[in-house]
Amino acid sequence: MSFESKDAFKKALDSYDITKGETRSSHSFSSANNIYNDFSKENTNAEQIGFLVPDEKFRHFLNKNLEIIVNDTLYRITKDGTFLPIALTR
């Protein structure tokens, strides 16, 4: 998921209704929260996702790789911290 600015992301996060369970993206978007809530035995990432991103609301905006793009910057959350590996050009 991507946002044009930090303000746009903050606005989306603040206005997100966790009870509805959907973000602004398409139904094909697999959020980190979808993976976290998959309690199947094959899902070894769920516990790690819950530990790295305890905020359920915030997990809805991250992709399955714990990434989000804000203001042309890709943020990736890992066990070693949050990284900004790629500045994107449009």
PDB file of N, CA and C in Angstrom:
ATOM      1  N   MET A   1       0.855  -1.160   0.000  1.00  0.00           N
ATOM      2  CA  MET A   1       0.000   0.000   0.000  1.00  0.00           C
ATOM      3  C   MET A   1       0.906   1.228   0.000  1.00  0.00           C
ATOM      4  N   SER A   2       0.481   2.285  -0.651  1.00  0.00           N
ATOM      5  CA  SER A   2       1.311   3.483  -0.700  1.00  0.00           C
ATOM      6  C   SER A   2       0.468   4.732  -0.443  1.00  0.00           C
ATOM      7  N   PHE A   3       1.154   5.749   0.046  1.00  0.00           N
ATOM      8  CA  PHE A   3       0.530   7.035   0.363  1.00  0.00           C
ATOM      9  C   PHE A   3       1.419   8.147  -0.175  1.00  0.00           C
ATOM     10  N   GLU A   4       0.785   9.201  -0.665  1.00  0.00           N
ATOM     11  CA  GLU A   4       1.512  10.317  -1.272  1.00  0.00           C
ATOM     12  C   GLU A   4       2.349  11.107  -0.266  1.00  0.00           C
ATOM     13  N   SER A   5       1.926  11.120   0.991  1.00  0.00           N
ATOM     14  CA  SER A   5       2.641  11.902   1.999  1.00  0.00           C
ATOM     15  C   SER A   5       2.424  11.296   3.377  1.00  0.00           C
ATOM     16  N   LYS A   6       3.221  11.759   4.331  1.00  0.00           N
ATOM     17  CA  LYS A   6       3.047  11.321   5.716  1.00  0.00           C
ATOM     18  C   LYS A   6       1.684  11.758   6.243  1.00  0.00           C
ATOM     19  N   ASP A   7       1.250  12.936   5.840  1.00  0.00           N
ATOM     20  CA  ASP A   7      -0.064  13.422   6.275  1.00  0.00           C
ATOM     21  C   ASP A   7      -1.187  12.541   5.740  1.00  0.00           C
ATOM     22  N   ALA A   8      -1.068  12.102   4.484  1.00  0.00           N
ATOM     23  CA  ALA A   8      -2.088  11.230   3.895  1.00  0.00           C
ATOM     24  C   ALA A   8      -2.138   9.896   4.633  1.00  0.00           C
ATOM     25  N   PHE A   9      -0.973   9.370   4.993  1.00  0.00           N
ATOM     26  CA  PHE A   9      -0.933   8.125   5.750  1.00  0.00           C
ATOM     27  C   PHE A   9      -1.538   8.309   7.134  1.00  0.00           C
ATOM     28  N   LYS A  10      -1.168   9.398   7.809  1.00  0.00           N
ATOM     29  CA  LYS A  10      -1.712   9.662   9.144  1.00  0.00           C
ATOM     30  C   LYS A  10      -3.230   9.808   9.098  1.00  0.00           C
ATOM     31  N   LYS A  11      -3.717  10.500   8.086  1.00  0.00           N
ATOM     32  CA  LYS A  11      -5.159  10.682   7.943  1.00  0.00           C
ATOM     33  C   LYS A  11      -5.854   9.329   7.730  1.00  0.00           C
ATOM     34  N   ALA A  12      -5.278   8.490   6.868  1.00  0.00           N
ATOM     35  CA  ALA A  12      -5.854   7.168   6.613  1.00  0.00           C
ATOM     36  C   ALA A  12      -5.833   6.311   7.876  1.00  0.00           C
ATOM     37  N   LEU A  13      -4.732   6.363   8.605  1.00  0.00           N
ATOM     38  CA  LEU A  13      -4.613   5.592   9.844  1.00  0.00           C
ATOM     39  C   LEU A  13      -5.613   6.069  10.887  1.00  0.00           C
ATOM     40  N   ASP A  14      -5.726   7.389  11.025  1.00  0.00           N
ATOM     41  CA  ASP A  14      -6.654   7.960  12.011  1.00  0.00           C
ATOM     42  C   ASP A  14      -8.117   7.670  11.681  1.00  0.00           C
ATOM     43  N   SER A  15      -8.444   7.651  10.389  1.00  0.00           N
ATOM     44  CA  SER A  15      -9.841   7.472  10.001  1.00  0.00           C
ATOM     45  C   SER A  15     -10.218   6.014   9.762  1.00  0.00           C
ATOM     46  N   TYR A  16      -9.252   5.113   9.825  1.00  0.00           N
ATOM     47  CA  TYR A  16      -9.524   3.697   9.573  1.00  0.00           C
ATOM     48  C   TYR A  16     -10.421   3.125  10.669  1.00  0.00           C
ATOM     49  N   ASP A  17     -11.480   2.460  10.268  1.00  0.00           N
ATOM     50  CA  ASP A  17     -12.405   1.831  11.207  1.00  0.00           C
ATOM     51  C   ASP A  17     -12.060   0.347  11.293  1.00  0.00           C
ATOM     52  N   ILE A  18     -11.429  -0.037  12.362  1.00  0.00           N
ATOM     53  CA  ILE A  18     -10.949  -1.409  12.530  1.00  0.00           C
ATOM     54  C   ILE A  18     -12.086  -2.424  12.536  1.00  0.00           C
ATOM     55  N   THR A  19     -13.293  -1.989  12.857  1.00  0.00           N
ATOM     56  CA  THR A  19     -14.425  -2.920  12.908  1.00  0.00           C
ATOM     57  C   THR A  19     -14.898  -3.330  11.521  1.00  0.00           C
ATOM     58  N   LYS A  20     -14.552  -2.543  10.499  1.00  0.00           N
ATOM     59  CA  LYS A  20     -14.957  -2.887   9.127  1.00  0.00           C
ATOM     60  C   LYS A  20     -13.987  -3.845   8.464  1.00  0.00           C
ATOM     61  N   GLY A  21     -12.732  -3.834   8.902  1.00  0.00           N
ATOM     62  CA  GLY A  21     -11.761  -4.822   8.444  1.00  0.00           C
ATOM     63  C   GLY A  21     -11.236  -4.679   7.038  1.00  0.00           C
ATOM     64  N   GLU A  22     -11.477  -3.575   6.353  1.00  0.00           N
ATOM     65  CA  GLU A  22     -10.946  -3.395   5.011  1.00  0.00           C
ATOM     66  C   GLU A  22     -10.209  -2.071   4.918  1.00  0.00           C
ATOM     67  N   THR A  23      -9.170  -2.069   4.093  1.00  0.00           N
ATOM     68  CA  THR A  23      -8.437  -0.842   3.821  1.00  0.00           C
ATOM     69  C   THR A  23      -8.903  -0.294   2.489  1.00  0.00           C
ATOM     70  N   ARG A  24      -8.294   0.786   2.047  1.00  0.00           N
ATOM     71  CA  ARG A  24      -8.731   1.411   0.802  1.00  0.00           C
ATOM     72  C   ARG A  24      -8.298   0.643  -0.434  1.00  0.00           C
ATOM     73  N   SER A  25      -7.444  -0.341  -0.283  1.00  0.00           N
ATOM     74  CA  SER A  25      -6.940  -1.068  -1.444  1.00  0.00           C
ATOM     75  C   SER A  25      -7.895  -2.167  -1.878  1.00  0.00           C
ATOM     76  N   SER A  26      -7.532  -2.845  -2.937  1.00  0.00           N
ATOM     77  CA  SER A  26      -8.392  -3.884  -3.490  1.00  0.00           C
ATOM     78  C   SER A  26      -8.473  -5.088  -2.560  1.00  0.00           C
ATOM     79  N   HIS A  27      -9.427  -5.958  -2.841  1.00  0.00           N
ATOM     80  CA  HIS A  27      -9.606  -7.148  -2.029  1.00  0.00           C
ATOM     81  C   HIS A  27      -8.450  -8.124  -2.192  1.00  0.00           C
ATOM     82  N   SER A  28      -7.632  -7.961  -3.223  1.00  0.00           N
ATOM     83  CA  SER A  28      -6.507  -8.860  -3.430  1.00  0.00           C
ATOM     84  C   SER A  28      -5.297  -8.498  -2.569  1.00  0.00           C
ATOM     85  N   PHE A  29      -5.336  -7.356  -1.912  1.00  0.00           N
ATOM     86  CA  PHE A  29      -4.239  -6.924  -1.040  1.00  0.00           C
ATOM     87  C   PHE A  29      -4.197  -7.820   0.188  1.00  0.00           C
ATOM     88  N   SER A  30      -3.045  -8.411   0.446  1.00  0.00           N
ATOM     89  CA  SER A  30      -2.870  -9.272   1.607  1.00  0.00           C
ATOM     90  C   SER A  30      -2.096  -8.505   2.674  1.00  0.00           C
ATOM     91  N   SER A  31      -2.813  -7.996   3.662  1.00  0.00           N
ATOM     92  CA  SER A  31      -2.163  -7.198   4.696  1.00  0.00           C
ATOM     93  C   SER A  31      -1.468  -8.090   5.707  1.00  0.00           C
ATOM     94  N   ALA A  32      -0.551  -7.499   6.457  1.00  0.00           N
ATOM     95  CA  ALA A  32       0.123  -8.222   7.530  1.00  0.00           C
ATOM     96  C   ALA A  32      -0.894  -8.713   8.553  1.00  0.00           C
ATOM     97  N   ASN A  33      -1.972  -7.971   8.736  1.00  0.00           N
ATOM     98  CA  ASN A  33      -2.985  -8.391   9.701  1.00  0.00           C
ATOM     99  C   ASN A  33      -3.723  -9.634   9.232  1.00  0.00           C
ATOM    100  N   ASN A  34      -3.926  -9.784   7.912  1.00  0.00           N
ATOM    101  CA  ASN A  34      -4.541 -11.008   7.392  1.00  0.00           C
ATOM    102  C   ASN A  34      -3.687 -12.224   7.735  1.00  0.00           C
ATOM    103  N   ILE A  35      -2.392 -12.088   7.578  1.00  0.00           N
ATOM    104  CA  ILE A  35      -1.473 -13.181   7.887  1.00  0.00           C
ATOM    105  C   ILE A  35      -1.450 -13.433   9.393  1.00  0.00           C
ATOM    106  N   TYR A  36      -1.427 -12.370  10.180  1.00  0.00           N
ATOM    107  CA  TYR A  36      -1.424 -12.498  11.641  1.00  0.00           C
ATOM    108  C   TYR A  36      -2.659 -13.259  12.123  1.00  0.00           C
ATOM    109  N   ASN A  37      -3.800 -13.004  11.508  1.00  0.00           N
ATOM    110  CA  ASN A  37      -5.047 -13.641  11.924  1.00  0.00           C
ATOM    111  C   ASN A  37      -5.245 -15.039  11.348  1.00  0.00           C
ATOM    112  N   ASP A  38      -4.323 -15.501  10.500  1.00  0.00           N
ATOM    113  CA  ASP A  38      -4.388 -16.849   9.946  1.00  0.00           C
ATOM    114  C   ASP A  38      -3.734 -17.795  10.952  1.00  0.00           C
ATOM    115  N   PHE A  39      -4.545 -18.526  11.680  1.00  0.00           N
ATOM    116  CA  PHE A  39      -4.035 -19.374  12.750  1.00  0.00           C
ATOM    117  C   PHE A  39      -3.707 -20.797  12.287  1.00  0.00           C
ATOM    118  N   SER A  40      -3.564 -20.979  10.970  1.00  0.00           N
ATOM    119  CA  SER A  40      -3.253 -22.317  10.475  1.00  0.00           C
ATOM    120  C   SER A  40      -1.856 -22.742  10.928  1.00  0.00           C
ATOM    121  N   LYS A  41      -1.658 -24.026  10.987  1.00  0.00           N
ATOM    122  CA  LYS A  41      -0.376 -24.555  11.463  1.00  0.00           C
ATOM    123  C   LYS A  41       0.771 -24.210  10.521  1.00  0.00           C
ATOM    124  N   GLU A  42       0.467 -23.993   9.230  1.00  0.00           N
ATOM    125  CA  GLU A  42       1.520 -23.669   8.269  1.00  0.00           C
ATOM    126  C   GLU A  42       2.031 -22.243   8.428  1.00  0.00           C
ATOM    127  N   ASN A  43       1.281 -21.400   9.117  1.00  0.00           N
ATOM    128  CA  ASN A  43       1.634 -19.987   9.221  1.00  0.00           C
ATOM    129  C   ASN A  43       2.574 -19.755  10.394  1.00  0.00           C
ATOM    130  N   THR A  44       3.862 -19.776  10.106  1.00  0.00           N
ATOM    131  CA  THR A  44       4.856 -19.548  11.146  1.00  0.00           C
ATOM    132  C   THR A  44       5.145 -18.061  11.336  1.00  0.00           C
ATOM    133  N   ASN A  45       4.656 -17.220  10.419  1.00  0.00           N
ATOM    134  CA  ASN A  45       4.925 -15.790  10.493  1.00  0.00           C
ATOM    135  C   ASN A  45       3.988 -15.034  11.427  1.00  0.00           C
ATOM    136  N   ALA A  46       2.859 -15.623  11.775  1.00  0.00           N
ATOM    137  CA  ALA A  46       1.845 -14.906  12.551  1.00  0.00           C
ATOM    138  C   ALA A  46       2.386 -14.407  13.885  1.00  0.00           C
ATOM    139  N   GLU A  47       3.078 -15.244  14.611  1.00  0.00           N
ATOM    140  CA  GLU A  47       3.609 -14.835  15.918  1.00  0.00           C
ATOM    141  C   GLU A  47       4.642 -13.732  15.758  1.00  0.00           C
ATOM    142  N   GLN A  48       5.504 -13.849  14.760  1.00  0.00           N
ATOM    143  CA  GLN A  48       6.529 -12.834  14.516  1.00  0.00           C
ATOM    144  C   GLN A  48       5.885 -11.503  14.133  1.00  0.00           C
ATOM    145  N   ILE A  49       4.858 -11.536  13.296  1.00  0.00           N
ATOM    146  CA  ILE A  49       4.173 -10.304  12.898  1.00  0.00           C
ATOM    147  C   ILE A  49       3.550  -9.629  14.109  1.00  0.00           C
ATOM    148  N   GLY A  50       2.904 -10.412  14.966  1.00  0.00           N
ATOM    149  CA  GLY A  50       2.300  -9.862  16.176  1.00  0.00           C
ATOM    150  C   GLY A  50       3.318  -9.233  17.096  1.00  0.00           C
ATOM    151  N   PHE A  51       4.502  -9.811  17.167  1.00  0.00           N
ATOM    152  CA  PHE A  51       5.572  -9.269  18.005  1.00  0.00           C
ATOM    153  C   PHE A  51       6.149  -7.986  17.413  1.00  0.00           C
ATOM    154  N   LEU A  52       6.389  -7.986  16.101  1.00  0.00           N
ATOM    155  CA  LEU A  52       7.008  -6.834  15.441  1.00  0.00           C
ATOM    156  C   LEU A  52       6.049  -5.660  15.297  1.00  0.00           C
ATOM    157  N   VAL A  53       4.760  -5.964  15.082  1.00  0.00           N
ATOM    158  CA  VAL A  53       3.761  -4.921  14.868  1.00  0.00           C
ATOM    159  C   VAL A  53       2.556  -5.219  15.769  1.00  0.00           C
ATOM    160  N   PRO A  54       2.637  -4.856  17.033  1.00  0.00           N
ATOM    161  CA  PRO A  54       1.542  -5.188  17.951  1.00  0.00           C
ATOM    162  C   PRO A  54       0.262  -4.389  17.707  1.00  0.00           C
ATOM    163  N   ASP A  55       0.352  -3.272  17.016  1.00  0.00           N
ATOM    164  CA  ASP A  55      -0.817  -2.428  16.758  1.00  0.00           C
ATOM    165  C   ASP A  55      -1.632  -3.001  15.598  1.00  0.00           C
ATOM    166  N   GLU A  56      -2.807  -3.552  15.923  1.00  0.00           N
ATOM    167  CA  GLU A  56      -3.655  -4.196  14.911  1.00  0.00           C
ATOM    168  C   GLU A  56      -4.049  -3.237  13.796  1.00  0.00           C
ATOM    169  N   LYS A  57      -4.358  -2.016  14.154  1.00  0.00           N
ATOM    170  CA  LYS A  57      -4.767  -1.016  13.162  1.00  0.00           C
ATOM    171  C   LYS A  57      -3.637  -0.759  12.160  1.00  0.00           C
ATOM    172  N   PHE A  58      -2.417  -0.605  12.654  1.00  0.00           N
ATOM    173  CA  PHE A  58      -1.263  -0.347  11.802  1.00  0.00           C
ATOM    174  C   PHE A  58      -0.962  -1.546  10.897  1.00  0.00           C
ATOM    175  N   ARG A  59      -1.152  -2.773  11.406  1.00  0.00           N
ATOM    176  CA  ARG A  59      -0.889  -3.978  10.602  1.00  0.00           C
ATOM    177  C   ARG A  59      -1.745  -4.020   9.344  1.00  0.00           C
ATOM    178  N   HIS A  60      -2.931  -3.423   9.377  1.00  0.00           N
ATOM    179  CA  HIS A  60      -3.811  -3.427   8.210  1.00  0.00           C
ATOM    180  C   HIS A  60      -3.204  -2.679   7.023  1.00  0.00           C
ATOM    181  N   PHE A  61      -2.310  -1.754   7.273  1.00  0.00           N
ATOM    182  CA  PHE A  61      -1.727  -0.941   6.210  1.00  0.00           C
ATOM    183  C   PHE A  61      -0.411  -1.507   5.667  1.00  0.00           C
ATOM    184  N   LEU A  62       0.142  -2.495   6.344  1.00  0.00           N
ATOM    185  CA  LEU A  62       1.375  -3.125   5.881  1.00  0.00           C
ATOM    186  C   LEU A  62       1.048  -4.304   4.979  1.00  0.00           C
ATOM    187  N   ASN A  63       1.909  -4.544   3.990  1.00  0.00           N
ATOM    188  CA  ASN A  63       1.695  -5.721   3.153  1.00  0.00           C
ATOM    189  C   ASN A  63       2.213  -6.962   3.878  1.00  0.00           C
ATOM    190  N   LYS A  64       2.113  -8.108   3.230  1.00  0.00           N
ATOM    191  CA  LYS A  64       2.510  -9.357   3.876  1.00  0.00           C
ATOM    192  C   LYS A  64       4.000  -9.413   4.210  1.00  0.00           C
ATOM    193  N   ASN A  65       4.796  -8.539   3.602  1.00  0.00           N
ATOM    194  CA  ASN A  65       6.231  -8.462   3.890  1.00  0.00           C
ATOM    195  C   ASN A  65       6.558  -7.373   4.908  1.00  0.00           C
ATOM    196  N   LEU A  66       5.519  -6.853   5.564  1.00  0.00           N
ATOM    197  CA  LEU A  66       5.652  -5.771   6.556  1.00  0.00           C
ATOM    198  C   LEU A  66       6.254  -4.520   5.930  1.00  0.00           C
ATOM    199  N   GLU A  67       5.749  -4.137   4.763  1.00  0.00           N
ATOM    200  CA  GLU A  67       6.235  -2.971   4.031  1.00  0.00           C
ATOM    201  C   GLU A  67       5.091  -2.006   3.760  1.00  0.00           C
ATOM    202  N   ILE A  68       5.470  -0.738   3.632  1.00  0.00           N
ATOM    203  CA  ILE A  68       4.527   0.309   3.243  1.00  0.00           C
ATOM    204  C   ILE A  68       5.321   1.403   2.540  1.00  0.00           C
ATOM    205  N   ILE A  69       4.703   2.066   1.572  1.00  0.00           N
ATOM    206  CA  ILE A  69       5.344   3.175   0.875  1.00  0.00           C
ATOM    207  C   ILE A  69       4.661   4.467   1.304  1.00  0.00           C
ATOM    208  N   VAL A  70       5.474   5.389   1.815  1.00  0.00           N
ATOM    209  CA  VAL A  70       4.976   6.703   2.214  1.00  0.00           C
ATOM    210  C   VAL A  70       5.907   7.744   1.608  1.00  0.00           C
ATOM    211  N   ASN A  71       5.322   8.652   0.827  1.00  0.00           N
ATOM    212  CA  ASN A  71       6.096   9.740   0.231  1.00  0.00           C
ATOM    213  C   ASN A  71       7.304   9.222  -0.555  1.00  0.00           C
ATOM    214  N   ASP A  72       7.086   8.251  -1.433  1.00  0.00           N
ATOM    215  CA  ASP A  72       8.121   7.666  -2.296  1.00  0.00           C
ATOM    216  C   ASP A  72       9.225   6.928  -1.546  1.00  0.00           C
ATOM    217  N   THR A  73       8.986   6.559  -0.297  1.00  0.00           N
ATOM    218  CA  THR A  73       9.972   5.812   0.472  1.00  0.00           C
ATOM    219  C   THR A  73       9.352   4.501   0.932  1.00  0.00           C
ATOM    220  N   LEU A  74      10.058   3.407   0.669  1.00  0.00           N
ATOM    221  CA  LEU A  74       9.604   2.099   1.097  1.00  0.00           C
ATOM    222  C   LEU A  74      10.133   1.829   2.502  1.00  0.00           C
ATOM    223  N   TYR A  75       9.223   1.591   3.439  1.00  0.00           N
ATOM    224  CA  TYR A  75       9.585   1.248   4.810  1.00  0.00           C
ATOM    225  C   TYR A  75       9.368  -0.249   4.992  1.00  0.00           C
ATOM    226  N   ARG A  76      10.350  -0.919   5.565  1.00  0.00           N
ATOM    227  CA  ARG A  76      10.248  -2.361   5.829  1.00  0.00           C
ATOM    228  C   ARG A  76      10.552  -2.610   7.301  1.00  0.00           C
ATOM    229  N   ILE A  77       9.618  -3.265   7.976  1.00  0.00           N
ATOM    230  CA  ILE A  77       9.784  -3.590   9.391  1.00  0.00           C
ATOM    231  C   ILE A  77      10.371  -4.991   9.485  1.00  0.00           C
ATOM    232  N   THR A  78      11.465  -5.115  10.238  1.00  0.00           N
ATOM    233  CA  THR A  78      12.125  -6.407  10.438  1.00  0.00           C
ATOM    234  C   THR A  78      12.428  -6.590  11.923  1.00  0.00           C
ATOM    235  N   LYS A  79      12.914  -7.763  12.284  1.00  0.00           N
ATOM    236  CA  LYS A  79      13.286  -8.010  13.671  1.00  0.00           C
ATOM    237  C   LYS A  79      14.465  -7.144  14.097  1.00  0.00           C
ATOM    238  N   ASP A  80      15.188  -6.585  13.130  1.00  0.00           N
ATOM    239  CA  ASP A  80      16.338  -5.734  13.416  1.00  0.00           C
ATOM    240  C   ASP A  80      16.001  -4.248  13.404  1.00  0.00           C
ATOM    241  N   GLY A  81      14.746  -3.914  13.141  1.00  0.00           N
ATOM    242  CA  GLY A  81      14.324  -2.514  13.121  1.00  0.00           C
ATOM    243  C   GLY A  81      13.552  -2.189  11.854  1.00  0.00           C
ATOM    244  N   THR A  82      13.270  -0.911  11.668  1.00  0.00           N
ATOM    245  CA  THR A  82      12.565  -0.448  10.476  1.00  0.00           C
ATOM    246  C   THR A  82      13.585   0.142   9.514  1.00  0.00           C
ATOM    247  N   PHE A  83      13.538  -0.330   8.287  1.00  0.00           N
ATOM    248  CA  PHE A  83      14.502   0.104   7.282  1.00  0.00           C
ATOM    249  C   PHE A  83      13.817   0.887   6.174  1.00  0.00           C
ATOM    250  N   LEU A  84      14.585   1.758   5.552  1.00  0.00           N
ATOM    251  CA  LEU A  84      14.138   2.564   4.430  1.00  0.00           C
ATOM    252  C   LEU A  84      15.044   2.216   3.252  1.00  0.00           C
ATOM    253  N   PRO A  85      14.887   1.010   2.692  1.00  0.00           N
ATOM    254  CA  PRO A  85      15.870   0.549   1.722  1.00  0.00           C
ATOM    255  C   PRO A  85      15.837   1.214   0.360  1.00  0.00           C
ATOM    256  N   ILE A  86      14.676   1.701  -0.084  1.00  0.00           N
ATOM    257  CA  ILE A  86      14.580   2.170  -1.454  1.00  0.00           C
ATOM    258  C   ILE A  86      13.812   3.482  -1.518  1.00  0.00           C
ATOM    259  N   ALA A  87      14.412   4.495  -2.114  1.00  0.00           N
ATOM    260  CA  ALA A  87      13.673   5.712  -2.433  1.00  0.00           C
ATOM    261  C   ALA A  87      13.157   5.545  -3.847  1.00  0.00           C
ATOM    262  N   LEU A  88      11.876   5.559  -4.029  1.00  0.00           N
ATOM    263  CA  LEU A  88      11.264   5.295  -5.319  1.00  0.00           C
ATOM    264  C   LEU A  88      11.204   6.556  -6.179  1.00  0.00           C
ATOM    265  N   THR A  89      11.231   6.366  -7.474  1.00  0.00           N
ATOM    266  CA  THR A  89      11.038   7.485  -8.387  1.00  0.00           C
ATOM    267  C   THR A  89       9.784   7.206  -9.193  1.00  0.00           C
ATOM    268  N   ARG A  90       9.013   8.212  -9.437  1.00  0.00           N
ATOM    269  CA  ARG A  90       7.768   8.039 -10.192  1.00  0.00           C
ATOM    270  C   ARG A  90       7.918   8.624 -11.558  1.00  0.00           C
TER     271      ARG A  90
END
